[in-house]
Amino acid sequence: MSVRNNGNQLVNPMAMEAMDKFKQEAAQELNVSDEYKSGYWGNMTSRECGAVGGQMVKKMIEEMENQLANGTNISAQTNDQEQDYNLANKAGNYQPQQ
């Protein structure tokens, strides 16, 4: 088993700064200890880091659901440039139950 997997690299390296800002916003919303403000997360507990990651995922899913519900064009990026998926069209005329 390797020590480092590097499986969670960003698809777009230019988004690193935005993701760091997003991470800090999520940490602030959860009122975790202020140690994250230095940019070093090594002194944070696993529970706090997991809560921040969970909050980030929750917000990303919420935003994606809003975009799908509003019919905003969303395309998934793949390594194959010939394939361009439009998730809004795939969803069709989905009407949530009320």
PDB file of N, CA and C in Angstrom:
ATOM      1  N   MET A   1       0.842  -1.170   0.000  1.00  0.00           N
ATOM      2  CA  MET A   1       0.000   0.000   0.000  1.00  0.00           C
ATOM      3  C   MET A   1       0.885   1.231   0.000  1.00  0.00           C
ATOM      4  N   SER A   2       0.590   2.168  -0.895  1.00  0.00           N
ATOM      5  CA  SER A   2       1.424   3.359  -0.989  1.00  0.00           C
ATOM      6  C   SER A   2       1.091   4.337   0.130  1.00  0.00           C
ATOM      7  N   VAL A   3       2.073   5.160   0.451  1.00  0.00           N
ATOM      8  CA  VAL A   3       1.879   6.151   1.495  1.00  0.00           C
ATOM      9  C   VAL A   3       0.965   7.264   0.997  1.00  0.00           C
ATOM     10  N   ARG A   4       1.168   7.691  -0.241  1.00  0.00           N
ATOM     11  CA  ARG A   4       0.344   8.761  -0.817  1.00  0.00           C
ATOM     12  C   ARG A   4      -0.363   8.245  -2.060  1.00  0.00           C
ATOM     13  N   ASN A   5      -1.639   8.545  -2.140  1.00  0.00           N
ATOM     14  CA  ASN A   5      -2.420   8.110  -3.280  1.00  0.00           C
ATOM     15  C   ASN A   5      -2.624   9.236  -4.286  1.00  0.00           C
ATOM     16  N   ASN A   6      -2.670  10.487  -3.817  1.00  0.00           N
ATOM     17  CA  ASN A   6      -2.915  11.650  -4.667  1.00  0.00           C
ATOM     18  C   ASN A   6      -4.190  11.499  -5.486  1.00  0.00           C
ATOM     19  N   GLY A   7      -5.177  10.848  -4.931  1.00  0.00           N
ATOM     20  CA  GLY A   7      -6.431  10.627  -5.634  1.00  0.00           C
ATOM     21  C   GLY A   7      -7.385  11.799  -5.579  1.00  0.00           C
ATOM     22  N   ASN A   8      -7.116  12.778  -4.738  1.00  0.00           N
ATOM     23  CA  ASN A   8      -8.059  13.886  -4.645  1.00  0.00           C
ATOM     24  C   ASN A   8      -7.448  15.186  -5.158  1.00  0.00           C
ATOM     25  N   GLN A   9      -6.857  15.104  -6.335  1.00  0.00           N
ATOM     26  CA  GLN A   9      -6.330  16.299  -6.984  1.00  0.00           C
ATOM     27  C   GLN A   9      -7.471  16.991  -7.715  1.00  0.00           C
ATOM     28  N   LEU A  10      -7.394  18.301  -7.813  1.00  0.00           N
ATOM     29  CA  LEU A  10      -8.420  19.057  -8.519  1.00  0.00           C
ATOM     30  C   LEU A  10      -8.313  18.818 -10.022  1.00  0.00           C
ATOM     31  N   VAL A  11      -9.459  18.773 -10.686  1.00  0.00           N
ATOM     32  CA  VAL A  11      -9.481  18.621 -12.137  1.00  0.00           C
ATOM     33  C   VAL A  11      -8.843  19.851 -12.777  1.00  0.00           C
ATOM     34  N   ASN A  12      -9.157  21.014 -12.220  1.00  0.00           N
ATOM     35  CA  ASN A  12      -8.606  22.273 -12.708  1.00  0.00           C
ATOM     36  C   ASN A  12      -7.713  22.868 -11.618  1.00  0.00           C
ATOM     37  N   PRO A  13      -6.390  22.780 -11.773  1.00  0.00           N
ATOM     38  CA  PRO A  13      -5.487  23.297 -10.735  1.00  0.00           C
ATOM     39  C   PRO A  13      -5.674  24.783 -10.450  1.00  0.00           C
ATOM     40  N   MET A  14      -6.244  25.521 -11.401  1.00  0.00           N
ATOM     41  CA  MET A  14      -6.471  26.947 -11.193  1.00  0.00           C
ATOM     42  C   MET A  14      -7.557  27.197 -10.132  1.00  0.00           C
ATOM     43  N   ALA A  15      -8.323  26.172  -9.793  1.00  0.00           N
ATOM     44  CA  ALA A  15      -9.400  26.305  -8.818  1.00  0.00           C
ATOM     45  C   ALA A  15      -8.916  26.147  -7.383  1.00  0.00           C
ATOM     46  N   MET A  16      -7.629  25.908  -7.180  1.00  0.00           N
ATOM     47  CA  MET A  16      -7.099  25.658  -5.840  1.00  0.00           C
ATOM     48  C   MET A  16      -7.414  26.810  -4.877  1.00  0.00           C
ATOM     49  N   GLU A  17      -7.202  28.037  -5.326  1.00  0.00           N
ATOM     50  CA  GLU A  17      -7.433  29.194  -4.468  1.00  0.00           C
ATOM     51  C   GLU A  17      -8.910  29.315  -4.098  1.00  0.00           C
ATOM     52  N   ALA A  18      -9.784  29.088  -5.062  1.00  0.00           N
ATOM     53  CA  ALA A  18     -11.221  29.159  -4.806  1.00  0.00           C
ATOM     54  C   ALA A  18     -11.654  28.061  -3.832  1.00  0.00           C
ATOM     55  N   MET A  19     -11.095  26.867  -3.981  1.00  0.00           N
ATOM     56  CA  MET A  19     -11.441  25.769  -3.076  1.00  0.00           C
ATOM     57  C   MET A  19     -10.948  26.043  -1.659  1.00  0.00           C
ATOM     58  N   ASP A  20      -9.771  26.650  -1.529  1.00  0.00           N
ATOM     59  CA  ASP A  20      -9.273  27.013  -0.203  1.00  0.00           C
ATOM     60  C   ASP A  20     -10.188  28.030   0.464  1.00  0.00           C
ATOM     61  N   LYS A  21     -10.644  29.008  -0.314  1.00  0.00           N
ATOM     62  CA  LYS A  21     -11.561  30.013   0.213  1.00  0.00           C
ATOM     63  C   LYS A  21     -12.878  29.353   0.621  1.00  0.00           C
ATOM     64  N   PHE A  22     -13.363  28.445  -0.222  1.00  0.00           N
ATOM     65  CA  PHE A  22     -14.600  27.711   0.062  1.00  0.00           C
ATOM     66  C   PHE A  22     -14.447  26.898   1.349  1.00  0.00           C
ATOM     67  N   LYS A  23     -13.293  26.281   1.525  1.00  0.00           N
ATOM     68  CA  LYS A  23     -13.022  25.481   2.720  1.00  0.00           C
ATOM     69  C   LYS A  23     -13.040  26.358   3.971  1.00  0.00           C
ATOM     70  N   GLN A  24     -12.435  27.538   3.885  1.00  0.00           N
ATOM     71  CA  GLN A  24     -12.418  28.446   5.027  1.00  0.00           C
ATOM     72  C   GLN A  24     -13.814  28.963   5.358  1.00  0.00           C
ATOM     73  N   GLU A  25     -14.629  29.219   4.328  1.00  0.00           N
ATOM     74  CA  GLU A  25     -16.004  29.648   4.556  1.00  0.00           C
ATOM     75  C   GLU A  25     -16.797  28.558   5.275  1.00  0.00           C
ATOM     76  N   ALA A  26     -16.611  27.316   4.853  1.00  0.00           N
ATOM     77  CA  ALA A  26     -17.311  26.197   5.487  1.00  0.00           C
ATOM     78  C   ALA A  26     -16.867  26.046   6.939  1.00  0.00           C
ATOM     79  N   ALA A  27     -15.577  26.205   7.197  1.00  0.00           N
ATOM     80  CA  ALA A  27     -15.066  26.099   8.567  1.00  0.00           C
ATOM     81  C   ALA A  27     -15.636  27.215   9.444  1.00  0.00           C
ATOM     82  N   GLN A  28     -15.748  28.398   8.878  1.00  0.00           N
ATOM     83  CA  GLN A  28     -16.290  29.525   9.627  1.00  0.00           C
ATOM     84  C   GLN A  28     -17.772  29.300   9.941  1.00  0.00           C
ATOM     85  N   GLU A  29     -18.522  28.766   8.986  1.00  0.00           N
ATOM     86  CA  GLU A  29     -19.945  28.485   9.199  1.00  0.00           C
ATOM     87  C   GLU A  29     -20.146  27.484  10.327  1.00  0.00           C
ATOM     88  N   LEU A  30     -19.235  26.531  10.450  1.00  0.00           N
ATOM     89  CA  LEU A  30     -19.361  25.480  11.464  1.00  0.00           C
ATOM     90  C   LEU A  30     -18.760  25.874  12.809  1.00  0.00           C
ATOM     91  N   ASN A  31     -18.127  27.041  12.865  1.00  0.00           N
ATOM     92  CA  ASN A  31     -17.490  27.528  14.091  1.00  0.00           C
ATOM     93  C   ASN A  31     -16.456  26.547  14.648  1.00  0.00           C
ATOM     94  N   VAL A  32     -15.672  25.942  13.776  1.00  0.00           N
ATOM     95  CA  VAL A  32     -14.588  25.086  14.249  1.00  0.00           C
ATOM     96  C   VAL A  32     -13.472  25.985  14.783  1.00  0.00           C
ATOM     97  N   SER A  33     -12.492  25.410  15.427  1.00  0.00           N
ATOM     98  CA  SER A  33     -11.440  26.222  16.029  1.00  0.00           C
ATOM     99  C   SER A  33     -10.767  27.116  14.990  1.00  0.00           C
ATOM    100  N   ASP A  34     -10.242  28.224  15.443  1.00  0.00           N
ATOM    101  CA  ASP A  34      -9.686  29.236  14.542  1.00  0.00           C
ATOM    102  C   ASP A  34      -8.331  28.863  13.953  1.00  0.00           C
ATOM    103  N   GLU A  35      -7.852  27.663  14.211  1.00  0.00           N
ATOM    104  CA  GLU A  35      -6.539  27.271  13.708  1.00  0.00           C
ATOM    105  C   GLU A  35      -6.503  27.167  12.185  1.00  0.00           C
ATOM    106  N   TYR A  36      -7.663  27.009  11.548  1.00  0.00           N
ATOM    107  CA  TYR A  36      -7.701  26.893  10.088  1.00  0.00           C
ATOM    108  C   TYR A  36      -7.285  28.192   9.411  1.00  0.00           C
ATOM    109  N   LYS A  37      -7.407  29.320  10.112  1.00  0.00           N
ATOM    110  CA  LYS A  37      -7.120  30.618   9.501  1.00  0.00           C
ATOM    111  C   LYS A  37      -5.660  30.757   9.076  1.00  0.00           C
ATOM    112  N   SER A  38      -4.776  30.010   9.700  1.00  0.00           N
ATOM    113  CA  SER A  38      -3.362  30.077   9.331  1.00  0.00           C
ATOM    114  C   SER A  38      -3.092  29.344   8.013  1.00  0.00           C
ATOM    115  N   GLY A  39      -4.024  28.510   7.580  1.00  0.00           N
ATOM    116  CA  GLY A  39      -3.844  27.745   6.350  1.00  0.00           C
ATOM    117  C   GLY A  39      -3.301  26.351   6.619  1.00  0.00           C
ATOM    118  N   TYR A  40      -2.900  26.086   7.848  1.00  0.00           N
ATOM    119  CA  TYR A  40      -2.381  24.766   8.219  1.00  0.00           C
ATOM    120  C   TYR A  40      -3.469  24.016   8.969  1.00  0.00           C
ATOM    121  N   TRP A  41      -3.839  22.861   8.465  1.00  0.00           N
ATOM    122  CA  TRP A  41      -4.934  22.090   9.048  1.00  0.00           C
ATOM    123  C   TRP A  41      -4.440  20.924   9.898  1.00  0.00           C
ATOM    124  N   GLY A  42      -3.130  20.791  10.087  1.00  0.00           N
ATOM    125  CA  GLY A  42      -2.570  19.653  10.803  1.00  0.00           C
ATOM    126  C   GLY A  42      -2.928  19.580  12.272  1.00  0.00           C
ATOM    127  N   ASN A  43      -3.256  20.699  12.876  1.00  0.00           N
ATOM    128  CA  ASN A  43      -3.605  20.699  14.293  1.00  0.00           C
ATOM    129  C   ASN A  43      -5.099  20.548  14.536  1.00  0.00           C
ATOM    130  N   MET A  44      -5.854  20.411  13.459  1.00  0.00           N
ATOM    131  CA  MET A  44      -7.301  20.241  13.580  1.00  0.00           C
ATOM    132  C   MET A  44      -7.611  18.774  13.837  1.00  0.00           C
ATOM    133  N   THR A  45      -8.701  18.513  14.540  1.00  0.00           N
ATOM    134  CA  THR A  45      -9.086  17.122  14.772  1.00  0.00           C
ATOM    135  C   THR A  45      -9.693  16.540  13.504  1.00  0.00           C
ATOM    136  N   SER A  46      -9.674  15.241  13.409  1.00  0.00           N
ATOM    137  CA  SER A  46     -10.284  14.570  12.258  1.00  0.00           C
ATOM    138  C   SER A  46     -11.773  14.877  12.191  1.00  0.00           C
ATOM    139  N   ARG A  47     -12.378  14.982  13.328  1.00  0.00           N
ATOM    140  CA  ARG A  47     -13.813  15.286  13.377  1.00  0.00           C
ATOM    141  C   ARG A  47     -14.098  16.656  12.768  1.00  0.00           C
ATOM    142  N   GLU A  48     -13.274  17.654  13.121  1.00  0.00           N
ATOM    143  CA  GLU A  48     -13.467  18.998  12.585  1.00  0.00           C
ATOM    144  C   GLU A  48     -13.228  19.030  11.076  1.00  0.00           C
ATOM    145  N   CYS A  49     -12.153  18.384  10.642  1.00  0.00           N
ATOM    146  CA  CYS A  49     -11.847  18.357   9.202  1.00  0.00           C
ATOM    147  C   CYS A  49     -12.941  17.639   8.420  1.00  0.00           C
ATOM    148  N   GLY A  50     -13.439  16.553   8.973  1.00  0.00           N
ATOM    149  CA  GLY A  50     -14.513  15.817   8.323  1.00  0.00           C
ATOM    150  C   GLY A  50     -15.787  16.628   8.243  1.00  0.00           C
ATOM    151  N   ALA A  51     -16.068  17.382   9.287  1.00  0.00           N
ATOM    152  CA  ALA A  51     -17.263  18.231   9.288  1.00  0.00           C
ATOM    153  C   ALA A  51     -17.150  19.318   8.224  1.00  0.00           C
ATOM    154  N   VAL A  52     -15.958  19.882   8.070  1.00  0.00           N
ATOM    155  CA  VAL A  52     -15.745  20.913   7.055  1.00  0.00           C
ATOM    156  C   VAL A  52     -15.925  20.315   5.657  1.00  0.00           C
ATOM    157  N   GLY A  53     -15.316  19.159   5.426  1.00  0.00           N
ATOM    158  CA  GLY A  53     -15.471  18.495   4.128  1.00  0.00           C
ATOM    159  C   GLY A  53     -16.922  18.135   3.843  1.00  0.00           C
ATOM    160  N   GLY A  54     -17.623  17.659   4.856  1.00  0.00           N
ATOM    161  CA  GLY A  54     -19.035  17.320   4.700  1.00  0.00           C
ATOM    162  C   GLY A  54     -19.881  18.541   4.376  1.00  0.00           C
ATOM    163  N   GLN A  55     -19.558  19.665   5.031  1.00  0.00           N
ATOM    164  CA  GLN A  55     -20.276  20.915   4.759  1.00  0.00           C
ATOM    165  C   GLN A  55     -20.038  21.374   3.322  1.00  0.00           C
ATOM    166  N   MET A  56     -18.798  21.217   2.851  1.00  0.00           N
ATOM    167  CA  MET A  56     -18.473  21.601   1.477  1.00  0.00           C
ATOM    168  C   MET A  56     -19.273  20.757   0.483  1.00  0.00           C
ATOM    169  N   VAL A  57     -19.313  19.454   0.711  1.00  0.00           N
ATOM    170  CA  VAL A  57     -20.049  18.557  -0.189  1.00  0.00           C
ATOM    171  C   VAL A  57     -21.537  18.898  -0.161  1.00  0.00           C
ATOM    172  N   LYS A  58     -22.063  19.156   1.034  1.00  0.00           N
ATOM    173  CA  LYS A  58     -23.475  19.500   1.171  1.00  0.00           C
ATOM    174  C   LYS A  58     -23.809  20.746   0.348  1.00  0.00           C
ATOM    175  N   LYS A  59     -22.953  21.760   0.422  1.00  0.00           N
ATOM    176  CA  LYS A  59     -23.186  23.004  -0.319  1.00  0.00           C
ATOM    177  C   LYS A  59     -23.043  22.787  -1.832  1.00  0.00           C
ATOM    178  N   MET A  60     -22.074  21.971  -2.247  1.00  0.00           N
ATOM    179  CA  MET A  60     -21.908  21.699  -3.676  1.00  0.00           C
ATOM    180  C   MET A  60     -23.125  20.965  -4.235  1.00  0.00           C
ATOM    181  N   ILE A  61     -23.633  19.993  -3.501  1.00  0.00           N
ATOM    182  CA  ILE A  61     -24.813  19.247  -3.939  1.00  0.00           C
ATOM    183  C   ILE A  61     -26.021  20.175  -3.987  1.00  0.00           C
ATOM    184  N   GLU A  62     -26.161  21.015  -2.972  1.00  0.00           N
ATOM    185  CA  GLU A  62     -27.267  21.966  -2.938  1.00  0.00           C
ATOM    186  C   GLU A  62     -27.236  22.893  -4.159  1.00  0.00           C
ATOM    187  N   GLU A  63     -26.054  23.378  -4.495  1.00  0.00           N
ATOM    188  CA  GLU A  63     -25.909  24.266  -5.656  1.00  0.00           C
ATOM    189  C   GLU A  63     -26.225  23.524  -6.951  1.00  0.00           C
ATOM    190  N   MET A  64     -25.778  22.309  -7.076  1.00  0.00           N
ATOM    191  CA  MET A  64     -26.046  21.520  -8.278  1.00  0.00           C
ATOM    192  C   MET A  64     -27.540  21.245  -8.409  1.00  0.00           C
ATOM    193  N   GLU A  65     -28.205  20.914  -7.308  1.00  0.00           N
ATOM    194  CA  GLU A  65     -29.645  20.675  -7.348  1.00  0.00           C
ATOM    195  C   GLU A  65     -30.396  21.939  -7.765  1.00  0.00           C
ATOM    196  N   ASN A  66     -29.969  23.087  -7.251  1.00  0.00           N
ATOM    197  CA  ASN A  66     -30.602  24.350  -7.635  1.00  0.00           C
ATOM    198  C   ASN A  66     -30.421  24.623  -9.120  1.00  0.00           C
ATOM    199  N   GLN A  67     -29.232  24.365  -9.633  1.00  0.00           N
ATOM    200  CA  GLN A  67     -28.984  24.589 -11.051  1.00  0.00           C
ATOM    201  C   GLN A  67     -29.820  23.647 -11.910  1.00  0.00           C
ATOM    202  N   LEU A  68     -29.920  22.401 -11.496  1.00  0.00           N
ATOM    203  CA  LEU A  68     -30.733  21.444 -12.241  1.00  0.00           C
ATOM    204  C   LEU A  68     -32.209  21.837 -12.202  1.00  0.00           C
ATOM    205  N   ALA A  69     -32.684  22.274 -11.042  1.00  0.00           N
ATOM    206  CA  ALA A  69     -34.085  22.653 -10.897  1.00  0.00           C
ATOM    207  C   ALA A  69     -34.419  23.882 -11.731  1.00  0.00           C
ATOM    208  N   ASN A  70     -33.449  24.774 -11.892  1.00  0.00           N
ATOM    209  CA  ASN A  70     -33.673  25.996 -12.658  1.00  0.00           C
ATOM    210  C   ASN A  70     -33.395  25.820 -14.143  1.00  0.00           C
ATOM    211  N   GLY A  71     -32.964  24.640 -14.541  1.00  0.00           N
ATOM    212  CA  GLY A  71     -32.694  24.376 -15.951  1.00  0.00           C
ATOM    213  C   GLY A  71     -31.409  25.001 -16.448  1.00  0.00           C
ATOM    214  N   THR A  72     -30.515  25.366 -15.551  1.00  0.00           N
ATOM    215  CA  THR A  72     -29.236  25.944 -15.947  1.00  0.00           C
ATOM    216  C   THR A  72     -28.402  24.876 -16.632  1.00  0.00           C
ATOM    217  N   ASN A  73     -27.742  25.255 -17.727  1.00  0.00           N
ATOM    218  CA  ASN A  73     -26.904  24.301 -18.438  1.00  0.00           C
ATOM    219  C   ASN A  73     -25.703  23.931 -17.583  1.00  0.00           C
ATOM    220  N   ILE A  74     -25.549  22.656 -17.363  1.00  0.00           N
ATOM    221  CA  ILE A  74     -24.431  22.126 -16.578  1.00  0.00           C
ATOM    222  C   ILE A  74     -23.780  21.047 -17.417  1.00  0.00           C
ATOM    223  N   SER A  75     -22.491  21.151 -17.628  1.00  0.00           N
ATOM    224  CA  SER A  75     -21.815  20.112 -18.395  1.00  0.00           C
ATOM    225  C   SER A  75     -20.747  19.481 -17.522  1.00  0.00           C
ATOM    226  N   ALA A  76     -20.721  18.165 -17.499  1.00  0.00           N
ATOM    227  CA  ALA A  76     -19.711  17.430 -16.751  1.00  0.00           C
ATOM    228  C   ALA A  76     -18.453  17.342 -17.586  1.00  0.00           C
ATOM    229  N   GLN A  77     -17.310  17.556 -16.954  1.00  0.00           N
ATOM    230  CA  GLN A  77     -16.053  17.473 -17.684  1.00  0.00           C
ATOM    231  C   GLN A  77     -15.519  16.055 -17.609  1.00  0.00           C
ATOM    232  N   THR A  78     -15.062  15.561 -18.756  1.00  0.00           N
ATOM    233  CA  THR A  78     -14.456  14.243 -18.812  1.00  0.00           C
ATOM    234  C   THR A  78     -13.117  14.359 -19.511  1.00  0.00           C
ATOM    235  N   ASN A  79     -12.342  13.308 -19.430  1.00  0.00           N
ATOM    236  CA  ASN A  79     -11.063  13.298 -20.130  1.00  0.00           C
ATOM    237  C   ASN A  79     -11.254  13.189 -21.634  1.00  0.00           C
ATOM    238  N   ASP A  80     -12.390  12.650 -22.066  1.00  0.00           N
ATOM    239  CA  ASP A  80     -12.682  12.507 -23.476  1.00  0.00           C
ATOM    240  C   ASP A  80     -13.351  13.780 -23.977  1.00  0.00           C
ATOM    241  N   GLN A  81     -12.632  14.582 -24.751  1.00  0.00           N
ATOM    242  CA  GLN A  81     -13.130  15.868 -25.208  1.00  0.00           C
ATOM    243  C   GLN A  81     -14.346  15.736 -26.120  1.00  0.00           C
ATOM    244  N   GLU A  82     -14.542  14.577 -26.746  1.00  0.00           N
ATOM    245  CA  GLU A  82     -15.654  14.405 -27.670  1.00  0.00           C
ATOM    246  C   GLU A  82     -16.984  14.265 -26.948  1.00  0.00           C
ATOM    247  N   GLN A  83     -16.961  13.888 -25.685  1.00  0.00           N
ATOM    248  CA  GLN A  83     -18.196  13.686 -24.934  1.00  0.00           C
ATOM    249  C   GLN A  83     -18.482  14.928 -24.097  1.00  0.00           C
ATOM    250  N   ASP A  84     -19.641  15.514 -24.313  1.00  0.00           N
ATOM    251  CA  ASP A  84     -20.061  16.670 -23.541  1.00  0.00           C
ATOM    252  C   ASP A  84     -21.454  16.377 -22.998  1.00  0.00           C
ATOM    253  N   TYR A  85     -21.541  16.120 -21.706  1.00  0.00           N
ATOM    254  CA  TYR A  85     -22.807  15.748 -21.098  1.00  0.00           C
ATOM    255  C   TYR A  85     -23.513  16.993 -20.575  1.00  0.00           C
ATOM    256  N   ASN A  86     -24.745  17.131 -20.911  1.00  0.00           N
ATOM    257  CA  ASN A  86     -25.542  18.233 -20.406  1.00  0.00           C
ATOM    258  C   ASN A  86     -26.520  17.644 -19.397  1.00  0.00           C
ATOM    259  N   LEU A  87     -26.202  17.793 -18.122  1.00  0.00           N
ATOM    260  CA  LEU A  87     -27.002  17.173 -17.069  1.00  0.00           C
ATOM    261  C   LEU A  87     -28.404  17.751 -16.996  1.00  0.00           C
ATOM    262  N   ALA A  88     -28.549  19.017 -17.333  1.00  0.00           N
ATOM    263  CA  ALA A  88     -29.881  19.619 -17.284  1.00  0.00           C
ATOM    264  C   ALA A  88     -30.797  18.949 -18.296  1.00  0.00           C
ATOM    265  N   ASN A  89     -30.289  18.651 -19.492  1.00  0.00           N
ATOM    266  CA  ASN A  89     -31.104  17.972 -20.495  1.00  0.00           C
ATOM    267  C   ASN A  89     -31.385  16.534 -20.102  1.00  0.00           C
ATOM    268  N   LYS A  90     -30.420  15.880 -19.465  1.00  0.00           N
ATOM    269  CA  LYS A  90     -30.632  14.502 -19.027  1.00  0.00           C
ATOM    270  C   LYS A  90     -31.740  14.435 -17.991  1.00  0.00           C
ATOM    271  N   ALA A  91     -31.825  15.467 -17.142  1.00  0.00           N
ATOM    272  CA  ALA A  91     -32.842  15.477 -16.104  1.00  0.00           C
ATOM    273  C   ALA A  91     -34.236  15.630 -16.709  1.00  0.00           C
ATOM    274  N   GLY A  92     -34.313  16.220 -17.899  1.00  0.00           N
ATOM    275  CA  GLY A  92     -35.596  16.374 -18.569  1.00  0.00           C
ATOM    276  C   GLY A  92     -36.519  17.311 -17.813  1.00  0.00           C
ATOM    277  N   ASN A  93     -37.777  17.006 -17.850  1.00  0.00           N
ATOM    278  CA  ASN A  93     -38.787  17.837 -17.198  1.00  0.00           C
ATOM    279  C   ASN A  93     -39.153  17.256 -15.843  1.00  0.00           C
ATOM    280  N   TYR A  94     -38.196  17.034 -15.025  1.00  0.00           N
ATOM    281  CA  TYR A  94     -38.413  16.448 -13.712  1.00  0.00           C
ATOM    282  C   TYR A  94     -39.224  17.403 -12.842  1.00  0.00           C
ATOM    283  N   GLN A  95     -40.320  16.907 -12.313  1.00  0.00           N
ATOM    284  CA  GLN A  95     -41.160  17.687 -11.415  1.00  0.00           C
ATOM    285  C   GLN A  95     -41.129  17.025 -10.044  1.00  0.00           C
ATOM    286  N   PRO A  96     -40.591  17.692  -9.039  1.00  0.00           N
ATOM    287  CA  PRO A  96     -40.551  17.083  -7.707  1.00  0.00           C
ATOM    288  C   PRO A  96     -41.963  16.925  -7.137  1.00  0.00           C
ATOM    289  N   GLN A  97     -42.154  15.893  -6.339  1.00  0.00           N
ATOM    290  CA  GLN A  97     -43.451  15.667  -5.713  1.00  0.00           C
ATOM    291  C   GLN A  97     -43.678  16.711  -4.638  1.00  0.00           C
ATOM    292  N   GLN A  98     -44.910  17.153  -4.541  1.00  0.00           N
ATOM    293  CA  GLN A  98     -45.230  18.163  -3.530  1.00  0.00           C
ATOM    294  C   GLN A  98     -46.217  17.641  -2.539  1.00  0.00           C
TER     295      GLN A  98
END
